[in-house]
Amino acid sequence: MKKFIGLILLLTVMGAAALLTAQKSRTAPTVLRGFVGGEKSALLADPEFGKLLWERYGLVLEAEKRGSLEMVTESDTTGKDFLWPSSSVALALYKDAGKPLLASENVLNSPLVLYTWAKVADALDKQKLDFPKLVNAAATGKTWKELGLPELYGKVVLYTTDPLKSSSGNLYAGLLQTVLGDTSKVKALIAAQGFQESSSDTLFTQYVSRGIGDKPIIVGYEAQLIDFARTSPEKYATQKAQLRVLYPKPTVWSSHPILALTPNGKKLIAALQDPEVQKLAWERHGFRSATGATNDPKACGVEGIPETIESVVPVPDTRAMQALLTALR
């Protein structure tokens, strides 16, 4: 008799689980529409990320790529539930403009880094050029030949995204202002780059695909190399011996806040703080946790990633950044 009772209980549990699954399959998801920084494109395209949001929170994201500053200053947000830029500067600019905002929360982090090639990194090391000295070399018009790289054409340039549209370029401009303390020098270094992309993922793709001769050094996020290694393992395997990531001292943090514009948008804040989402964002896409979760460098599968980021300076305050943006325009 006990066996029959156990069997009945088992079938009841199985039946209830099946019923819940069937009900869930018939339940329409909550579709959230918004703008997102390009460096998070691979994260949003990750099937596991989408699965976690749907199965645990009933959410589906429909996101359009925009430069972080572009989305908060220029884009029409009608019909959008959220914005997901790549810096606290973007959030501050949005708030200062008095635009509608129900809630905001930083959910991910990534430090600003330099991407270069083995030959360039070796030359910089031989010349004993740390970040301030490298910036000064660019500001004073030094050539690559003078840094021991005669095969590279022209003057030393560090390439970024457009600081008027994209957070990585904007954060770099703020870092230059901190290091140099001279807006005219910052303007000159930005202008020396010529045309600038509006998305950091586009710039990083050019870096890995075009090689050392196109842009010997670019500015990006730490997350991008980890993302590349995990999402394109074959390409990474063929190039990793030449790819180099340099951590400027000082550097700045790129935060990735969610700006909830609607009640449904607020649901995304909770979903992105889920421990499993945070774990996936680090191990598969290189974003460090903003919730206090541990980020083990061994778990992301890329050599040379430090456990902690040292020598970090704060981003200049909103007033200073707005003045810098005005000067750069």
C-alpha atoms as a PDB file:
ATOM      1  CA  MET A   1       0.000   0.000   0.000  1.00  0.00           C
ATOM      2  CA  LYS A   2       2.882   2.354   0.847  1.00  0.00           C
ATOM      3  CA  LYS A   3       4.293   1.718  -2.613  1.00  0.00           C
ATOM      4  CA  PHE A   4       1.012   2.775  -4.212  1.00  0.00           C
ATOM      5  CA  ILE A   5       0.828   5.924  -2.056  1.00  0.00           C
ATOM      6  CA  GLY A   6       4.397   6.820  -3.046  1.00  0.00           C
ATOM      7  CA  LEU A   7       3.572   6.236  -6.691  1.00  0.00           C
ATOM      8  CA  ILE A   8       0.462   8.429  -6.463  1.00  0.00           C
ATOM      9  CA  LEU A   9       2.491  11.208  -4.835  1.00  0.00           C
ATOM     10  CA  LEU A  10       5.181  10.919  -7.525  1.00  0.00           C
ATOM     11  CA  LEU A  11       2.617  11.075 -10.331  1.00  0.00           C
ATOM     12  CA  THR A  12       0.934  14.048  -8.665  1.00  0.00           C
ATOM     13  CA  VAL A  13       4.228  15.943  -8.482  1.00  0.00           C
ATOM     14  CA  MET A  14       5.061  15.032 -12.069  1.00  0.00           C
ATOM     15  CA  GLY A  15       1.615  16.075 -13.200  1.00  0.00           C
ATOM     16  CA  ALA A  16       1.879  19.399 -11.416  1.00  0.00           C
ATOM     17  CA  ALA A  17       5.293  20.039 -12.947  1.00  0.00           C
ATOM     18  CA  ALA A  18       3.970  19.188 -16.405  1.00  0.00           C
ATOM     19  CA  LEU A  19       1.004  21.493 -15.881  1.00  0.00           C
ATOM     20  CA  LEU A  20       3.269  24.354 -14.830  1.00  0.00           C
ATOM     21  CA  THR A  21       5.496  23.766 -17.851  1.00  0.00           C
ATOM     22  CA  ALA A  22       2.494  23.737 -20.163  1.00  0.00           C
ATOM     23  CA  GLN A  23       1.111  26.894 -18.610  1.00  0.00           C
ATOM     24  CA  LYS A  24       4.477  28.607 -18.903  1.00  0.00           C
ATOM     25  CA  SER A  25       4.769  27.638 -22.560  1.00  0.00           C
ATOM     26  CA  ARG A  26       1.417  29.279 -23.212  1.00  0.00           C
ATOM     27  CA  THR A  27       2.222  32.411 -21.221  1.00  0.00           C
ATOM     28  CA  ALA A  28       3.304  35.301 -23.385  1.00  0.00           C
ATOM     29  CA  PRO A  29       6.682  36.706 -22.327  1.00  0.00           C
ATOM     30  CA  THR A  30       7.133  40.279 -21.208  1.00  0.00           C
ATOM     31  CA  VAL A  31       9.003  41.896 -24.097  1.00  0.00           C
ATOM     32  CA  LEU A  32      11.322  44.709 -23.038  1.00  0.00           C
ATOM     33  CA  ARG A  33      12.532  47.175 -25.660  1.00  0.00           C
ATOM     34  CA  GLY A  34      15.548  49.386 -25.237  1.00  0.00           C
ATOM     35  CA  PHE A  35      18.950  50.632 -26.343  1.00  0.00           C
ATOM     36  CA  VAL A  36      22.166  48.876 -25.371  1.00  0.00           C
ATOM     37  CA  GLY A  37      25.893  49.615 -25.727  1.00  0.00           C
ATOM     38  CA  GLY A  38      27.530  47.596 -28.501  1.00  0.00           C
ATOM     39  CA  GLU A  39      30.084  45.949 -26.199  1.00  0.00           C
ATOM     40  CA  LYS A  40      27.211  43.924 -24.707  1.00  0.00           C
ATOM     41  CA  SER A  41      25.950  42.635 -28.071  1.00  0.00           C
ATOM     42  CA  ALA A  42      27.405  39.155 -27.613  1.00  0.00           C
ATOM     43  CA  LEU A  43      25.977  38.886 -24.105  1.00  0.00           C
ATOM     44  CA  LEU A  44      22.485  39.677 -25.360  1.00  0.00           C
ATOM     45  CA  ALA A  45      22.916  37.231 -28.247  1.00  0.00           C
ATOM     46  CA  ASP A  46      23.984  34.420 -25.891  1.00  0.00           C
ATOM     47  CA  PRO A  47      21.237  31.753 -25.851  1.00  0.00           C
ATOM     48  CA  GLU A  48      22.006  30.927 -22.209  1.00  0.00           C
ATOM     49  CA  PHE A  49      21.500  34.564 -21.230  1.00  0.00           C
ATOM     50  CA  GLY A  50      18.161  34.675 -23.012  1.00  0.00           C
ATOM     51  CA  LYS A  51      17.150  31.368 -21.468  1.00  0.00           C
ATOM     52  CA  LEU A  52      17.858  32.603 -17.935  1.00  0.00           C
ATOM     53  CA  LEU A  53      15.846  35.787 -18.435  1.00  0.00           C
ATOM     54  CA  TRP A  54      12.899  33.901 -19.910  1.00  0.00           C
ATOM     55  CA  GLU A  55      12.776  30.853 -17.639  1.00  0.00           C
ATOM     56  CA  ARG A  56      13.362  32.734 -14.370  1.00  0.00           C
ATOM     57  CA  TYR A  57      11.767  36.093 -15.047  1.00  0.00           C
ATOM     58  CA  GLY A  58       9.571  35.708 -18.129  1.00  0.00           C
ATOM     59  CA  LEU A  59      11.502  38.427 -19.956  1.00  0.00           C
ATOM     60  CA  VAL A  60      12.569  38.748 -23.588  1.00  0.00           C
ATOM     61  CA  LEU A  61      14.790  41.630 -24.692  1.00  0.00           C
ATOM     62  CA  GLU A  62      14.525  43.475 -27.981  1.00  0.00           C
ATOM     63  CA  ALA A  63      17.545  45.771 -27.941  1.00  0.00           C
ATOM     64  CA  GLU A  64      18.981  48.162 -30.501  1.00  0.00           C
ATOM     65  CA  LYS A  65      22.678  49.042 -30.458  1.00  0.00           C
ATOM     66  CA  ARG A  66      23.508  52.668 -29.690  1.00  0.00           C
ATOM     67  CA  GLY A  67      26.529  54.573 -28.442  1.00  0.00           C
ATOM     68  CA  SER A  68      26.108  55.123 -24.709  1.00  0.00           C
ATOM     69  CA  LEU A  69      26.079  58.916 -24.840  1.00  0.00           C
ATOM     70  CA  GLU A  70      24.079  58.868 -28.039  1.00  0.00           C
ATOM     71  CA  MET A  71      21.273  56.867 -26.402  1.00  0.00           C
ATOM     72  CA  VAL A  72      20.915  59.236 -23.436  1.00  0.00           C
ATOM     73  CA  THR A  73      21.331  62.548 -25.262  1.00  0.00           C
ATOM     74  CA  GLU A  74      20.179  62.128 -28.855  1.00  0.00           C
ATOM     75  CA  SER A  75      17.958  59.054 -29.256  1.00  0.00           C
ATOM     76  CA  ASP A  76      14.164  59.064 -29.126  1.00  0.00           C
ATOM     77  CA  THR A  77      13.255  56.792 -26.205  1.00  0.00           C
ATOM     78  CA  THR A  78       9.523  56.653 -26.986  1.00  0.00           C
ATOM     79  CA  GLY A  79       8.320  53.082 -26.504  1.00  0.00           C
ATOM     80  CA  LYS A  80      11.526  52.020 -24.759  1.00  0.00           C
ATOM     81  CA  ASP A  81      11.493  50.224 -21.420  1.00  0.00           C
ATOM     82  CA  PHE A  82      15.186  50.548 -20.626  1.00  0.00           C
ATOM     83  CA  LEU A  83      18.540  52.002 -21.588  1.00  0.00           C
ATOM     84  CA  TRP A  84      21.760  50.091 -20.905  1.00  0.00           C
ATOM     85  CA  PRO A  85      24.758  52.377 -21.419  1.00  0.00           C
ATOM     86  CA  SER A  86      28.353  51.759 -20.391  1.00  0.00           C
ATOM     87  CA  SER A  87      29.200  54.477 -17.908  1.00  0.00           C
ATOM     88  CA  SER A  88      27.964  56.438 -14.954  1.00  0.00           C
ATOM     89  CA  VAL A  89      28.577  59.564 -17.043  1.00  0.00           C
ATOM     90  CA  ALA A  90      25.755  58.542 -19.374  1.00  0.00           C
ATOM     91  CA  LEU A  91      23.422  58.039 -16.417  1.00  0.00           C
ATOM     92  CA  ALA A  92      24.367  61.427 -14.957  1.00  0.00           C
ATOM     93  CA  LEU A  93      23.796  63.198 -18.271  1.00  0.00           C
ATOM     94  CA  TYR A  94      20.395  61.544 -18.596  1.00  0.00           C
ATOM     95  CA  LYS A  95      19.382  62.596 -15.090  1.00  0.00           C
ATOM     96  CA  ASP A  96      20.644  66.143 -15.586  1.00  0.00           C
ATOM     97  CA  ALA A  97      18.492  66.441 -18.698  1.00  0.00           C
ATOM     98  CA  GLY A  98      15.413  65.730 -16.555  1.00  0.00           C
ATOM     99  CA  LYS A  99      14.251  62.855 -18.717  1.00  0.00           C
ATOM    100  CA  PRO A 100      11.822  60.207 -17.368  1.00  0.00           C
ATOM    101  CA  LEU A 101      13.488  57.628 -15.122  1.00  0.00           C
ATOM    102  CA  LEU A 102      11.791  55.246 -12.704  1.00  0.00           C
ATOM    103  CA  ALA A 103      14.918  53.549 -11.349  1.00  0.00           C
ATOM    104  CA  SER A 104      18.574  52.901 -12.110  1.00  0.00           C
ATOM    105  CA  GLU A 105      21.121  50.394 -10.851  1.00  0.00           C
ATOM    106  CA  ASN A 106      24.631  49.476 -11.888  1.00  0.00           C
ATOM    107  CA  VAL A 107      24.699  45.758 -12.723  1.00  0.00           C
ATOM    108  CA  LEU A 108      28.086  45.141 -14.397  1.00  0.00           C
ATOM    109  CA  ASN A 109      31.589  46.637 -14.467  1.00  0.00           C
ATOM    110  CA  SER A 110      34.635  46.566 -16.716  1.00  0.00           C
ATOM    111  CA  PRO A 111      37.874  48.569 -16.490  1.00  0.00           C
ATOM    112  CA  LEU A 112      39.173  50.634 -19.375  1.00  0.00           C
ATOM    113  CA  VAL A 113      42.221  48.972 -20.975  1.00  0.00           C
ATOM    114  CA  LEU A 114      44.534  49.312 -23.960  1.00  0.00           C
ATOM    115  CA  TYR A 115      44.678  46.641 -26.666  1.00  0.00           C
ATOM    116  CA  THR A 116      47.855  46.281 -28.684  1.00  0.00           C
ATOM    117  CA  TRP A 117      50.207  43.676 -30.171  1.00  0.00           C
ATOM    118  CA  ALA A 118      53.185  41.774 -28.832  1.00  0.00           C
ATOM    119  CA  LYS A 119      55.687  43.787 -30.861  1.00  0.00           C
ATOM    120  CA  VAL A 120      54.277  47.105 -29.638  1.00  0.00           C
ATOM    121  CA  ALA A 121      54.028  45.938 -26.024  1.00  0.00           C
ATOM    122  CA  ASP A 122      57.671  44.777 -26.130  1.00  0.00           C
ATOM    123  CA  ALA A 123      58.792  48.144 -27.528  1.00  0.00           C
ATOM    124  CA  LEU A 124      56.903  50.063 -24.844  1.00  0.00           C
ATOM    125  CA  ASP A 125      58.443  47.876 -22.174  1.00  0.00           C
ATOM    126  CA  LYS A 126      61.927  48.399 -23.614  1.00  0.00           C
ATOM    127  CA  GLN A 127      61.375  52.169 -23.620  1.00  0.00           C
ATOM    128  CA  LYS A 128      59.983  51.942 -20.063  1.00  0.00           C
ATOM    129  CA  LEU A 129      56.848  53.794 -21.127  1.00  0.00           C
ATOM    130  CA  ASP A 130      54.058  53.603 -18.591  1.00  0.00           C
ATOM    131  CA  PHE A 131      50.644  55.033 -19.441  1.00  0.00           C
ATOM    132  CA  PRO A 132      51.329  58.714 -18.577  1.00  0.00           C
ATOM    133  CA  LYS A 133      54.617  58.580 -20.530  1.00  0.00           C
ATOM    134  CA  LEU A 134      52.886  56.939 -23.497  1.00  0.00           C
ATOM    135  CA  VAL A 135      50.200  59.631 -23.492  1.00  0.00           C
ATOM    136  CA  ASN A 136      52.890  62.300 -23.291  1.00  0.00           C
ATOM    137  CA  ALA A 137      54.710  60.714 -26.237  1.00  0.00           C
ATOM    138  CA  ALA A 138      51.511  60.985 -28.272  1.00  0.00           C
ATOM    139  CA  ALA A 139      50.860  64.554 -27.058  1.00  0.00           C
ATOM    140  CA  THR A 140      54.365  65.720 -28.060  1.00  0.00           C
ATOM    141  CA  GLY A 141      54.153  64.196 -31.541  1.00  0.00           C
ATOM    142  CA  LYS A 142      56.547  61.291 -31.116  1.00  0.00           C
ATOM    143  CA  THR A 143      56.628  58.818 -33.988  1.00  0.00           C
ATOM    144  CA  TRP A 144      56.437  55.054 -33.759  1.00  0.00           C
ATOM    145  CA  LYS A 145      59.946  54.999 -35.205  1.00  0.00           C
ATOM    146  CA  GLU A 146      61.168  57.002 -32.217  1.00  0.00           C
ATOM    147  CA  LEU A 147      59.655  54.345 -29.954  1.00  0.00           C
ATOM    148  CA  GLY A 148      61.629  51.619 -31.725  1.00  0.00           C
ATOM    149  CA  LEU A 149      58.958  50.591 -34.230  1.00  0.00           C
ATOM    150  CA  PRO A 150      60.166  51.893 -37.624  1.00  0.00           C
ATOM    151  CA  GLU A 151      57.841  49.536 -39.489  1.00  0.00           C
ATOM    152  CA  LEU A 152      54.803  51.418 -38.163  1.00  0.00           C
ATOM    153  CA  TYR A 153      53.780  54.559 -40.021  1.00  0.00           C
ATOM    154  CA  GLY A 154      53.444  58.041 -38.594  1.00  0.00           C
ATOM    155  CA  LYS A 155      52.966  59.439 -35.132  1.00  0.00           C
ATOM    156  CA  VAL A 156      51.918  57.648 -31.977  1.00  0.00           C
ATOM    157  CA  VAL A 157      48.115  57.576 -31.759  1.00  0.00           C
ATOM    158  CA  LEU A 158      45.839  55.760 -29.313  1.00  0.00           C
ATOM    159  CA  TYR A 159      42.532  55.088 -31.052  1.00  0.00           C
ATOM    160  CA  THR A 160      39.174  55.331 -29.306  1.00  0.00           C
ATOM    161  CA  THR A 161      35.516  55.543 -30.131  1.00  0.00           C
ATOM    162  CA  ASP A 162      33.849  58.931 -30.573  1.00  0.00           C
ATOM    163  CA  PRO A 163      33.774  60.519 -27.080  1.00  0.00           C
ATOM    164  CA  LEU A 164      30.614  62.429 -27.998  1.00  0.00           C
ATOM    165  CA  LYS A 165      28.708  59.203 -28.676  1.00  0.00           C
ATOM    166  CA  SER A 166      30.396  56.276 -26.962  1.00  0.00           C
ATOM    167  CA  SER A 167      31.337  55.658 -23.344  1.00  0.00           C
ATOM    168  CA  SER A 168      34.748  54.112 -23.959  1.00  0.00           C
ATOM    169  CA  GLY A 169      35.878  57.198 -25.883  1.00  0.00           C
ATOM    170  CA  ASN A 170      34.226  59.465 -23.349  1.00  0.00           C
ATOM    171  CA  LEU A 171      35.841  57.706 -20.380  1.00  0.00           C
ATOM    172  CA  TYR A 172      39.217  57.835 -22.099  1.00  0.00           C
ATOM    173  CA  ALA A 173      38.831  61.580 -22.658  1.00  0.00           C
ATOM    174  CA  GLY A 174      38.020  61.969 -18.961  1.00  0.00           C
ATOM    175  CA  LEU A 175      41.060  59.879 -18.045  1.00  0.00           C
ATOM    176  CA  LEU A 176      43.260  62.027 -20.289  1.00  0.00           C
ATOM    177  CA  GLN A 177      41.923  65.123 -18.586  1.00  0.00           C
ATOM    178  CA  THR A 178      42.899  63.637 -15.227  1.00  0.00           C
ATOM    179  CA  VAL A 179      46.366  62.586 -16.395  1.00  0.00           C
ATOM    180  CA  LEU A 180      47.232  65.675 -18.450  1.00  0.00           C
ATOM    181  CA  GLY A 181      45.151  68.367 -16.743  1.00  0.00           C
ATOM    182  CA  ASP A 182      45.026  70.271 -20.030  1.00  0.00           C
ATOM    183  CA  THR A 183      41.866  70.315 -22.157  1.00  0.00           C
ATOM    184  CA  SER A 184      43.693  71.618 -25.232  1.00  0.00           C
ATOM    185  CA  LYS A 185      46.011  68.587 -25.166  1.00  0.00           C
ATOM    186  CA  VAL A 186      43.026  66.267 -24.772  1.00  0.00           C
ATOM    187  CA  LYS A 187      41.369  67.891 -27.810  1.00  0.00           C
ATOM    188  CA  ALA A 188      44.555  67.474 -29.836  1.00  0.00           C
ATOM    189  CA  LEU A 189      44.909  63.792 -28.941  1.00  0.00           C
ATOM    190  CA  ILE A 190      41.275  63.093 -29.833  1.00  0.00           C
ATOM    191  CA  ALA A 191      41.511  65.048 -33.106  1.00  0.00           C
ATOM    192  CA  ALA A 192      44.693  63.204 -34.132  1.00  0.00           C
ATOM    193  CA  GLN A 193      42.690  59.998 -34.501  1.00  0.00           C
ATOM    194  CA  GLY A 194      40.670  61.197 -37.479  1.00  0.00           C
ATOM    195  CA  PHE A 195      37.374  59.352 -38.024  1.00  0.00           C
ATOM    196  CA  GLN A 196      36.107  57.553 -34.921  1.00  0.00           C
ATOM    197  CA  GLU A 197      33.653  54.699 -34.629  1.00  0.00           C
ATOM    198  CA  SER A 198      30.594  55.157 -32.444  1.00  0.00           C
ATOM    199  CA  SER A 199      30.686  51.636 -31.016  1.00  0.00           C
ATOM    200  CA  SER A 200      33.431  49.932 -29.013  1.00  0.00           C
ATOM    201  CA  ASP A 201      32.615  46.483 -30.415  1.00  0.00           C
ATOM    202  CA  THR A 202      33.181  47.798 -33.964  1.00  0.00           C
ATOM    203  CA  LEU A 203      36.556  49.225 -32.949  1.00  0.00           C
ATOM    204  CA  PHE A 204      37.592  45.992 -31.237  1.00  0.00           C
ATOM    205  CA  THR A 205      36.540  43.923 -34.261  1.00  0.00           C
ATOM    206  CA  GLN A 206      38.751  46.117 -36.445  1.00  0.00           C
ATOM    207  CA  TYR A 207      41.623  45.631 -34.013  1.00  0.00           C
ATOM    208  CA  VAL A 208      41.552  41.836 -34.148  1.00  0.00           C
ATOM    209  CA  SER A 209      40.782  41.595 -37.877  1.00  0.00           C
ATOM    210  CA  ARG A 210      43.031  44.260 -39.424  1.00  0.00           C
ATOM    211  CA  GLY A 211      46.215  43.709 -37.470  1.00  0.00           C
ATOM    212  CA  ILE A 212      49.019  45.870 -36.130  1.00  0.00           C
ATOM    213  CA  GLY A 213      49.366  48.177 -39.134  1.00  0.00           C
ATOM    214  CA  ASP A 214      45.862  49.631 -38.950  1.00  0.00           C
ATOM    215  CA  LYS A 215      45.573  50.738 -35.327  1.00  0.00           C
ATOM    216  CA  PRO A 216      48.604  49.704 -33.235  1.00  0.00           C
ATOM    217  CA  ILE A 217      46.858  50.629 -29.964  1.00  0.00           C
ATOM    218  CA  ILE A 218      43.157  50.993 -29.235  1.00  0.00           C
ATOM    219  CA  VAL A 219      41.214  51.819 -26.076  1.00  0.00           C
ATOM    220  CA  GLY A 220      38.522  49.377 -25.023  1.00  0.00           C
ATOM    221  CA  TYR A 221      37.064  47.364 -22.165  1.00  0.00           C
ATOM    222  CA  GLU A 222      38.639  44.374 -20.436  1.00  0.00           C
ATOM    223  CA  ALA A 223      35.448  42.422 -21.114  1.00  0.00           C
ATOM    224  CA  GLN A 224      35.993  42.506 -24.868  1.00  0.00           C
ATOM    225  CA  LEU A 225      39.005  40.183 -24.927  1.00  0.00           C
ATOM    226  CA  ILE A 226      37.306  37.631 -22.676  1.00  0.00           C
ATOM    227  CA  ASP A 227      34.171  37.825 -24.784  1.00  0.00           C
ATOM    228  CA  PHE A 228      36.236  37.304 -27.950  1.00  0.00           C
ATOM    229  CA  ALA A 229      38.060  34.323 -26.451  1.00  0.00           C
ATOM    230  CA  ARG A 230      34.847  32.610 -25.341  1.00  0.00           C
ATOM    231  CA  THR A 231      32.623  33.381 -28.330  1.00  0.00           C
ATOM    232  CA  SER A 232      35.272  32.958 -31.053  1.00  0.00           C
ATOM    233  CA  PRO A 233      37.643  30.347 -29.596  1.00  0.00           C
ATOM    234  CA  GLU A 234      39.175  29.281 -32.925  1.00  0.00           C
ATOM    235  CA  LYS A 235      40.028  32.847 -33.952  1.00  0.00           C
ATOM    236  CA  TYR A 236      41.340  33.586 -30.481  1.00  0.00           C
ATOM    237  CA  ALA A 237      43.542  30.479 -30.539  1.00  0.00           C
ATOM    238  CA  THR A 238      45.235  31.608 -33.760  1.00  0.00           C
ATOM    239  CA  GLN A 239      45.820  35.168 -32.524  1.00  0.00           C
ATOM    240  CA  LYS A 240      46.338  34.983 -28.775  1.00  0.00           C
ATOM    241  CA  ALA A 241      50.132  34.783 -29.049  1.00  0.00           C
ATOM    242  CA  GLN A 242      50.111  38.288 -30.567  1.00  0.00           C
ATOM    243  CA  LEU A 243      47.232  39.963 -28.733  1.00  0.00           C
ATOM    244  CA  ARG A 244      48.109  42.055 -25.705  1.00  0.00           C
ATOM    245  CA  VAL A 245      45.937  43.785 -23.116  1.00  0.00           C
ATOM    246  CA  LEU A 246      47.555  46.568 -21.090  1.00  0.00           C
ATOM    247  CA  TYR A 247      46.066  47.957 -17.886  1.00  0.00           C
ATOM    248  CA  PRO A 248      46.713  51.711 -17.651  1.00  0.00           C
ATOM    249  CA  LYS A 249      47.826  53.080 -14.313  1.00  0.00           C
ATOM    250  CA  PRO A 250      45.686  54.887 -13.542  1.00  0.00           C
ATOM    251  CA  THR A 251      42.566  53.598 -15.251  1.00  0.00           C
ATOM    252  CA  VAL A 252      38.836  54.150 -14.775  1.00  0.00           C
ATOM    253  CA  TRP A 253      35.902  51.835 -14.291  1.00  0.00           C
ATOM    254  CA  SER A 254      33.222  51.527 -16.906  1.00  0.00           C
ATOM    255  CA  SER A 255      29.956  50.829 -15.107  1.00  0.00           C
ATOM    256  CA  HIS A 256      26.953  49.398 -16.933  1.00  0.00           C
ATOM    257  CA  PRO A 257      23.807  50.761 -15.293  1.00  0.00           C
ATOM    258  CA  ILE A 258      20.280  49.822 -16.252  1.00  0.00           C
ATOM    259  CA  LEU A 259      18.026  52.847 -16.656  1.00  0.00           C
ATOM    260  CA  ALA A 260      14.430  51.699 -16.164  1.00  0.00           C
ATOM    261  CA  LEU A 261      12.013  53.950 -18.041  1.00  0.00           C
ATOM    262  CA  THR A 262       8.863  51.884 -17.368  1.00  0.00           C
ATOM    263  CA  PRO A 263       7.593  49.514 -14.649  1.00  0.00           C
ATOM    264  CA  ASN A 264       8.503  46.590 -16.896  1.00  0.00           C
ATOM    265  CA  GLY A 265      11.978  48.034 -17.286  1.00  0.00           C
ATOM    266  CA  LYS A 266      12.437  47.784 -13.516  1.00  0.00           C
ATOM    267  CA  LYS A 267      12.038  44.001 -13.808  1.00  0.00           C
ATOM    268  CA  LEU A 268      15.255  43.873 -15.799  1.00  0.00           C
ATOM    269  CA  ILE A 269      17.255  45.311 -12.886  1.00  0.00           C
ATOM    270  CA  ALA A 270      16.325  42.371 -10.663  1.00  0.00           C
ATOM    271  CA  ALA A 271      16.912  39.852 -13.452  1.00  0.00           C
ATOM    272  CA  LEU A 272      20.418  41.107 -14.194  1.00  0.00           C
ATOM    273  CA  GLN A 273      21.375  40.901 -10.520  1.00  0.00           C
ATOM    274  CA  ASP A 274      20.565  37.177 -10.495  1.00  0.00           C
ATOM    275  CA  PRO A 275      23.707  35.259  -9.392  1.00  0.00           C
ATOM    276  CA  GLU A 276      23.548  32.936 -12.408  1.00  0.00           C
ATOM    277  CA  VAL A 277      23.272  35.880 -14.799  1.00  0.00           C
ATOM    278  CA  GLN A 278      26.216  37.570 -13.079  1.00  0.00           C
ATOM    279  CA  LYS A 279      28.247  34.347 -13.302  1.00  0.00           C
ATOM    280  CA  LEU A 280      27.495  33.940 -17.009  1.00  0.00           C
ATOM    281  CA  ALA A 281      28.283  37.605 -17.714  1.00  0.00           C
ATOM    282  CA  TRP A 282      31.772  37.151 -16.214  1.00  0.00           C
ATOM    283  CA  GLU A 283      32.758  33.675 -17.347  1.00  0.00           C
ATOM    284  CA  ARG A 284      31.464  33.922 -20.920  1.00  0.00           C
ATOM    285  CA  HIS A 285      31.598  37.656 -21.630  1.00  0.00           C
ATOM    286  CA  GLY A 286      34.098  39.198 -19.212  1.00  0.00           C
ATOM    287  CA  PHE A 287      31.905  41.606 -17.265  1.00  0.00           C
ATOM    288  CA  ARG A 288      32.857  41.910 -13.622  1.00  0.00           C
ATOM    289  CA  SER A 289      30.072  41.754 -11.083  1.00  0.00           C
ATOM    290  CA  ALA A 290      28.563  44.876  -9.583  1.00  0.00           C
ATOM    291  CA  THR A 291      26.787  42.849  -6.901  1.00  0.00           C
ATOM    292  CA  GLY A 292      29.840  41.716  -4.946  1.00  0.00           C
ATOM    293  CA  ALA A 293      30.049  38.265  -6.552  1.00  0.00           C
ATOM    294  CA  THR A 294      33.518  36.729  -6.880  1.00  0.00           C
ATOM    295  CA  ASN A 295      35.175  36.976 -10.301  1.00  0.00           C
ATOM    296  CA  ASP A 296      37.735  34.194 -10.560  1.00  0.00           C
ATOM    297  CA  PRO A 297      40.125  34.991 -13.472  1.00  0.00           C
ATOM    298  CA  LYS A 298      40.677  31.259 -14.032  1.00  0.00           C
ATOM    299  CA  ALA A 299      36.996  30.825 -14.870  1.00  0.00           C
ATOM    300  CA  CYS A 300      37.099  33.170 -17.848  1.00  0.00           C
ATOM    301  CA  GLY A 301      39.769  31.201 -19.709  1.00  0.00           C
ATOM    302  CA  VAL A 302      42.123  34.072 -20.629  1.00  0.00           C
ATOM    303  CA  GLU A 303      45.670  34.353 -19.323  1.00  0.00           C
ATOM    304  CA  GLY A 304      46.889  37.564 -17.736  1.00  0.00           C
ATOM    305  CA  ILE A 305      43.549  38.774 -16.366  1.00  0.00           C
ATOM    306  CA  PRO A 306      44.140  40.157 -12.846  1.00  0.00           C
ATOM    307  CA  GLU A 307      41.962  39.205  -9.922  1.00  0.00           C
ATOM    308  CA  THR A 308      41.555  42.844  -8.911  1.00  0.00           C
ATOM    309  CA  ILE A 309      42.057  46.163 -10.671  1.00  0.00           C
ATOM    310  CA  GLU A 310      44.475  48.525  -8.975  1.00  0.00           C
ATOM    311  CA  SER A 311      45.293  52.202  -9.485  1.00  0.00           C
ATOM    312  CA  VAL A 312      41.828  53.427 -10.400  1.00  0.00           C
ATOM    313  CA  VAL A 313      40.840  57.099 -10.494  1.00  0.00           C
ATOM    314  CA  PRO A 314      37.263  58.381 -10.424  1.00  0.00           C
ATOM    315  CA  VAL A 315      35.659  59.725 -13.557  1.00  0.00           C
ATOM    316  CA  PRO A 316      35.531  63.558 -13.470  1.00  0.00           C
ATOM    317  CA  ASP A 317      32.231  64.856 -12.126  1.00  0.00           C
ATOM    318  CA  THR A 318      29.299  65.649 -14.397  1.00  0.00           C
ATOM    319  CA  ARG A 319      30.058  69.366 -14.639  1.00  0.00           C
ATOM    320  CA  ALA A 320      33.668  68.695 -15.622  1.00  0.00           C
ATOM    321  CA  MET A 321      32.650  66.052 -18.174  1.00  0.00           C
ATOM    322  CA  GLN A 322      30.036  68.340 -19.701  1.00  0.00           C
ATOM    323  CA  ALA A 323      32.638  71.085 -20.029  1.00  0.00           C
ATOM    324  CA  LEU A 324      35.020  68.602 -21.672  1.00  0.00           C
ATOM    325  CA  LEU A 325      32.333  67.418 -24.093  1.00  0.00           C
ATOM    326  CA  THR A 326      31.548  71.004 -25.012  1.00  0.00           C
ATOM    327  CA  ALA A 327      35.236  71.624 -25.712  1.00  0.00           C
ATOM    328  CA  LEU A 328      35.485  68.468 -27.836  1.00  0.00           C
ATOM    329  CA  ARG A 329      32.522  69.540 -29.940  1.00  0.00           C
END
